[in-house]
Amino acid sequence: MTEASYRDLTAGLDPQQVAEAVGAGMYEHDHCAQNLGIRLLEIAPGYAKMEMVVRRDMLNGFAICHGGIVTTLADTAFAYSCNSYNEMTVASGLATEFLAPVREGDVLTAEGREVALAGRTGVYDVGITNQRGELVAVMRGKSYRLKGRAVVELD
């Protein structure tokens, strides 16, 4: 993508305004996040912070939150952080490490941060903490930007 075409995608807004517009636009159509009760708390270029309360229907047979649900929260923070520049970006891979059990009623916060961005690929780290600030999981995601496609239309 050329600098001129990127400027067209961002409509002259500052990077924070672009990130906020992307966050609002993505969330409007993010039925998975909405159904899981995942909320966007904060977004900035290369960064997103999401929150989710663990419900009973998210527990596995051991009465702990299913790892796929924790990974979905992390993946959501990853998606919002890597799309925050308004250049459509998809995951090319991810790995989650579970560090502590998550229980019903826990309030999880996932913070996705850009580690590296070169050309059309990026690396993002996501830390997931509970309401006590304890790190319960970490995820690393690899991203791939699609050429010349905006996430949202900016006016």
C-alpha atoms as a PDB file:
ATOM      1  CA  MET A   1       0.000   0.000   0.000  1.00  0.00           C
ATOM      2  CA  THR A   2       1.358   3.386  -0.916  1.00  0.00           C
ATOM      3  CA  GLU A   3       1.425   6.297   1.515  1.00  0.00           C
ATOM      4  CA  ALA A   4      -1.162   8.093  -0.664  1.00  0.00           C
ATOM      5  CA  SER A   5      -3.603   5.159  -0.572  1.00  0.00           C
ATOM      6  CA  TYR A   6      -3.139   4.843   3.197  1.00  0.00           C
ATOM      7  CA  ARG A   7      -4.005   8.537   3.568  1.00  0.00           C
ATOM      8  CA  ASP A   8      -7.164   7.837   1.570  1.00  0.00           C
ATOM      9  CA  LEU A   9      -8.106   5.103   4.067  1.00  0.00           C
ATOM     10  CA  THR A  10      -7.537   7.364   7.062  1.00  0.00           C
ATOM     11  CA  ALA A  11      -9.265  10.479   5.629  1.00  0.00           C
ATOM     12  CA  GLY A  12      -6.800  12.897   7.245  1.00  0.00           C
ATOM     13  CA  LEU A  13      -7.721  11.909  10.824  1.00  0.00           C
ATOM     14  CA  ASP A  14      -5.048  11.581  13.487  1.00  0.00           C
ATOM     15  CA  PRO A  15      -4.033   7.984  14.374  1.00  0.00           C
ATOM     16  CA  GLN A  16      -6.044   7.945  17.635  1.00  0.00           C
ATOM     17  CA  GLN A  17      -9.207   9.073  15.841  1.00  0.00           C
ATOM     18  CA  VAL A  18      -8.665   6.361  13.227  1.00  0.00           C
ATOM     19  CA  ALA A  19      -8.220   3.702  15.934  1.00  0.00           C
ATOM     20  CA  GLU A  20     -11.388   4.811  17.727  1.00  0.00           C
ATOM     21  CA  ALA A  21     -13.406   4.771  14.494  1.00  0.00           C
ATOM     22  CA  VAL A  22     -12.094   1.296  13.686  1.00  0.00           C
ATOM     23  CA  GLY A  23     -12.928   0.031  17.184  1.00  0.00           C
ATOM     24  CA  ALA A  24     -16.496   1.327  16.996  1.00  0.00           C
ATOM     25  CA  GLY A  25     -16.984   0.017  13.473  1.00  0.00           C
ATOM     26  CA  MET A  26     -15.594  -3.417  14.215  1.00  0.00           C
ATOM     27  CA  TYR A  27     -17.592  -3.800  17.417  1.00  0.00           C
ATOM     28  CA  GLU A  28     -20.850  -2.907  15.681  1.00  0.00           C
ATOM     29  CA  HIS A  29     -20.482  -6.036  13.524  1.00  0.00           C
ATOM     30  CA  ASP A  30     -18.626  -8.273  16.020  1.00  0.00           C
ATOM     31  CA  HIS A  31     -21.442 -10.631  16.990  1.00  0.00           C
ATOM     32  CA  CYS A  32     -19.056 -13.093  18.667  1.00  0.00           C
ATOM     33  CA  ALA A  33     -17.678 -10.452  21.051  1.00  0.00           C
ATOM     34  CA  GLN A  34     -21.144  -9.089  21.747  1.00  0.00           C
ATOM     35  CA  ASN A  35     -22.584 -12.547  22.506  1.00  0.00           C
ATOM     36  CA  LEU A  36     -19.710 -13.368  24.857  1.00  0.00           C
ATOM     37  CA  GLY A  37     -20.089 -10.032  26.638  1.00  0.00           C
ATOM     38  CA  ILE A  38     -16.641  -8.847  25.526  1.00  0.00           C
ATOM     39  CA  ARG A  39     -16.396  -5.066  25.771  1.00  0.00           C
ATOM     40  CA  LEU A  40     -13.903  -2.742  24.139  1.00  0.00           C
ATOM     41  CA  LEU A  41     -12.439  -0.606  26.926  1.00  0.00           C
ATOM     42  CA  GLU A  42      -9.638   1.170  25.111  1.00  0.00           C
ATOM     43  CA  ILE A  43      -8.064   1.321  21.669  1.00  0.00           C
ATOM     44  CA  ALA A  44      -5.050   3.138  20.246  1.00  0.00           C
ATOM     45  CA  PRO A  45      -2.744   2.550  17.294  1.00  0.00           C
ATOM     46  CA  GLY A  46      -1.362  -0.977  17.770  1.00  0.00           C
ATOM     47  CA  TYR A  47      -3.194  -1.474  21.078  1.00  0.00           C
ATOM     48  CA  ALA A  48      -6.559  -2.679  22.370  1.00  0.00           C
ATOM     49  CA  LYS A  49      -7.945  -3.483  25.821  1.00  0.00           C
ATOM     50  CA  MET A  50     -11.002  -5.760  26.142  1.00  0.00           C
ATOM     51  CA  GLU A  51     -12.955  -7.026  29.160  1.00  0.00           C
ATOM     52  CA  MET A  52     -15.203 -10.036  29.758  1.00  0.00           C
ATOM     53  CA  VAL A  53     -16.998 -11.466  32.798  1.00  0.00           C
ATOM     54  CA  VAL A  54     -16.806 -15.265  32.961  1.00  0.00           C
ATOM     55  CA  ARG A  55     -20.302 -16.767  32.998  1.00  0.00           C
ATOM     56  CA  ARG A  56     -21.467 -20.241  33.964  1.00  0.00           C
ATOM     57  CA  ASP A  57     -22.047 -21.198  30.305  1.00  0.00           C
ATOM     58  CA  MET A  58     -18.319 -20.572  29.666  1.00  0.00           C
ATOM     59  CA  LEU A  59     -17.180 -23.260  32.121  1.00  0.00           C
ATOM     60  CA  ASN A  60     -15.898 -26.679  31.134  1.00  0.00           C
ATOM     61  CA  GLY A  61     -16.465 -29.975  32.962  1.00  0.00           C
ATOM     62  CA  PHE A  62     -13.919 -28.997  35.625  1.00  0.00           C
ATOM     63  CA  ALA A  63     -15.792 -25.766  36.511  1.00  0.00           C
ATOM     64  CA  ILE A  64     -13.049 -23.605  35.016  1.00  0.00           C
ATOM     65  CA  CYS A  65     -13.370 -21.334  32.015  1.00  0.00           C
ATOM     66  CA  HIS A  66     -12.911 -23.192  28.754  1.00  0.00           C
ATOM     67  CA  GLY A  67      -9.540 -22.428  27.182  1.00  0.00           C
ATOM     68  CA  GLY A  68     -11.220 -21.617  23.895  1.00  0.00           C
ATOM     69  CA  ILE A  69     -13.181 -18.833  25.559  1.00  0.00           C
ATOM     70  CA  VAL A  70     -10.021 -17.331  27.090  1.00  0.00           C
ATOM     71  CA  THR A  71      -8.341 -17.609  23.684  1.00  0.00           C
ATOM     72  CA  THR A  72     -11.336 -15.936  22.016  1.00  0.00           C
ATOM     73  CA  LEU A  73     -11.010 -12.970  24.389  1.00  0.00           C
ATOM     74  CA  ALA A  74      -7.281 -12.741  23.625  1.00  0.00           C
ATOM     75  CA  ASP A  75      -7.877 -13.129  19.886  1.00  0.00           C
ATOM     76  CA  THR A  76     -10.430 -10.317  20.019  1.00  0.00           C
ATOM     77  CA  ALA A  77      -7.920  -7.935  21.637  1.00  0.00           C
ATOM     78  CA  PHE A  78      -5.382  -9.044  19.026  1.00  0.00           C
ATOM     79  CA  ALA A  79      -7.830  -8.358  16.178  1.00  0.00           C
ATOM     80  CA  TYR A  80      -8.714  -4.879  17.393  1.00  0.00           C
ATOM     81  CA  SER A  81      -5.089  -3.921  18.044  1.00  0.00           C
ATOM     82  CA  CYS A  82      -3.799  -5.051  14.645  1.00  0.00           C
ATOM     83  CA  ASN A  83      -6.721  -3.499  12.735  1.00  0.00           C
ATOM     84  CA  SER A  84      -6.456  -0.164  14.566  1.00  0.00           C
ATOM     85  CA  TYR A  85      -4.699   1.479  11.603  1.00  0.00           C
ATOM     86  CA  ASN A  86      -7.785   0.891   9.388  1.00  0.00           C
ATOM     87  CA  GLU A  87      -5.967  -1.559   7.168  1.00  0.00           C
ATOM     88  CA  MET A  88      -7.836  -4.887   7.110  1.00  0.00           C
ATOM     89  CA  THR A  89      -5.642  -7.398   8.910  1.00  0.00           C
ATOM     90  CA  VAL A  90      -6.232 -11.077   9.627  1.00  0.00           C
ATOM     91  CA  ALA A  91      -4.549 -13.599  11.883  1.00  0.00           C
ATOM     92  CA  SER A  92      -2.000 -15.898  10.307  1.00  0.00           C
ATOM     93  CA  GLY A  93      -1.416 -17.781  13.548  1.00  0.00           C
ATOM     94  CA  LEU A  94      -1.615 -17.628  17.295  1.00  0.00           C
ATOM     95  CA  ALA A  95      -0.534 -19.530  20.389  1.00  0.00           C
ATOM     96  CA  THR A  96      -2.036 -19.286  23.862  1.00  0.00           C
ATOM     97  CA  GLU A  97      -0.399 -20.316  27.122  1.00  0.00           C
ATOM     98  CA  PHE A  98      -2.644 -20.834  30.163  1.00  0.00           C
ATOM     99  CA  LEU A  99      -1.007 -19.834  33.445  1.00  0.00           C
ATOM    100  CA  ALA A 100      -3.800 -20.080  36.035  1.00  0.00           C
ATOM    101  CA  PRO A 101      -7.391 -21.341  36.178  1.00  0.00           C
ATOM    102  CA  VAL A 102     -10.208 -18.900  35.483  1.00  0.00           C
ATOM    103  CA  ARG A 103     -13.426 -19.243  37.495  1.00  0.00           C
ATOM    104  CA  GLU A 104     -17.044 -18.210  37.137  1.00  0.00           C
ATOM    105  CA  GLY A 105     -17.450 -14.535  37.993  1.00  0.00           C
ATOM    106  CA  ASP A 106     -13.843 -13.635  37.188  1.00  0.00           C
ATOM    107  CA  VAL A 107     -13.477 -10.390  35.261  1.00  0.00           C
ATOM    108  CA  LEU A 108     -10.845 -10.879  32.590  1.00  0.00           C
ATOM    109  CA  THR A 109      -8.983  -8.084  30.869  1.00  0.00           C
ATOM    110  CA  ALA A 110      -7.009  -8.711  27.681  1.00  0.00           C
ATOM    111  CA  GLU A 111      -4.471  -6.145  26.507  1.00  0.00           C
ATOM    112  CA  GLY A 112      -3.122  -6.570  22.990  1.00  0.00           C
ATOM    113  CA  ARG A 113       0.087  -4.760  22.059  1.00  0.00           C
ATOM    114  CA  GLU A 114       1.995  -4.516  18.827  1.00  0.00           C
ATOM    115  CA  VAL A 115       5.480  -5.989  19.169  1.00  0.00           C
ATOM    116  CA  ALA A 116       6.639  -5.687  15.554  1.00  0.00           C
ATOM    117  CA  LEU A 117       5.184  -4.486  12.272  1.00  0.00           C
ATOM    118  CA  ALA A 118       7.077  -4.873   9.015  1.00  0.00           C
ATOM    119  CA  GLY A 119       5.444  -4.577   5.636  1.00  0.00           C
ATOM    120  CA  ARG A 120       2.242  -6.621   5.694  1.00  0.00           C
ATOM    121  CA  THR A 121       3.082  -8.799   8.716  1.00  0.00           C
ATOM    122  CA  GLY A 122       2.993  -8.106  12.423  1.00  0.00           C
ATOM    123  CA  VAL A 123       3.479  -9.722  15.807  1.00  0.00           C
ATOM    124  CA  TYR A 124       1.230  -8.922  18.777  1.00  0.00           C
ATOM    125  CA  ASP A 125       1.341 -10.015  22.403  1.00  0.00           C
ATOM    126  CA  VAL A 126      -1.789 -10.245  24.539  1.00  0.00           C
ATOM    127  CA  GLY A 127      -1.783 -10.527  28.326  1.00  0.00           C
ATOM    128  CA  ILE A 128      -4.956 -11.704  30.079  1.00  0.00           C
ATOM    129  CA  THR A 129      -5.392 -10.780  33.733  1.00  0.00           C
ATOM    130  CA  ASN A 130      -8.170 -11.352  36.247  1.00  0.00           C
ATOM    131  CA  GLN A 131      -9.813  -8.777  38.530  1.00  0.00           C
ATOM    132  CA  ARG A 132      -6.938  -9.153  41.010  1.00  0.00           C
ATOM    133  CA  GLY A 133      -4.385  -8.242  38.321  1.00  0.00           C
ATOM    134  CA  GLU A 134      -3.067 -11.824  38.184  1.00  0.00           C
ATOM    135  CA  LEU A 135      -1.796 -12.949  34.796  1.00  0.00           C
ATOM    136  CA  VAL A 136      -3.900 -15.991  33.812  1.00  0.00           C
ATOM    137  CA  ALA A 137      -2.879 -16.428  30.165  1.00  0.00           C
ATOM    138  CA  VAL A 138      -0.699 -14.982  27.422  1.00  0.00           C
ATOM    139  CA  MET A 139      -1.144 -15.157  23.684  1.00  0.00           C
ATOM    140  CA  ARG A 140       1.105 -14.267  20.763  1.00  0.00           C
ATOM    141  CA  GLY A 141      -0.555 -13.553  17.449  1.00  0.00           C
ATOM    142  CA  LYS A 142       0.891 -13.134  13.988  1.00  0.00           C
ATOM    143  CA  SER A 143      -0.974 -10.870  11.580  1.00  0.00           C
ATOM    144  CA  TYR A 144      -1.183 -10.349   7.837  1.00  0.00           C
ATOM    145  CA  ARG A 145      -2.472  -7.109   6.261  1.00  0.00           C
ATOM    146  CA  LEU A 146      -4.640  -7.341   3.184  1.00  0.00           C
ATOM    147  CA  LYS A 147      -3.557  -4.926   0.494  1.00  0.00           C
ATOM    148  CA  GLY A 148      -5.538  -1.710   0.159  1.00  0.00           C
ATOM    149  CA  ARG A 149      -8.647  -2.712   2.135  1.00  0.00           C
ATOM    150  CA  ALA A 150     -10.049  -0.440   4.839  1.00  0.00           C
ATOM    151  CA  VAL A 151     -11.759  -1.839   7.939  1.00  0.00           C
ATOM    152  CA  VAL A 152     -14.275   1.033   8.089  1.00  0.00           C
ATOM    153  CA  GLU A 153     -15.163   3.904   5.805  1.00  0.00           C
ATOM    154  CA  LEU A 154     -13.981   7.186   7.294  1.00  0.00           C
ATOM    155  CA  ASP A 155     -15.511  10.528   6.405  1.00  0.00           C
END
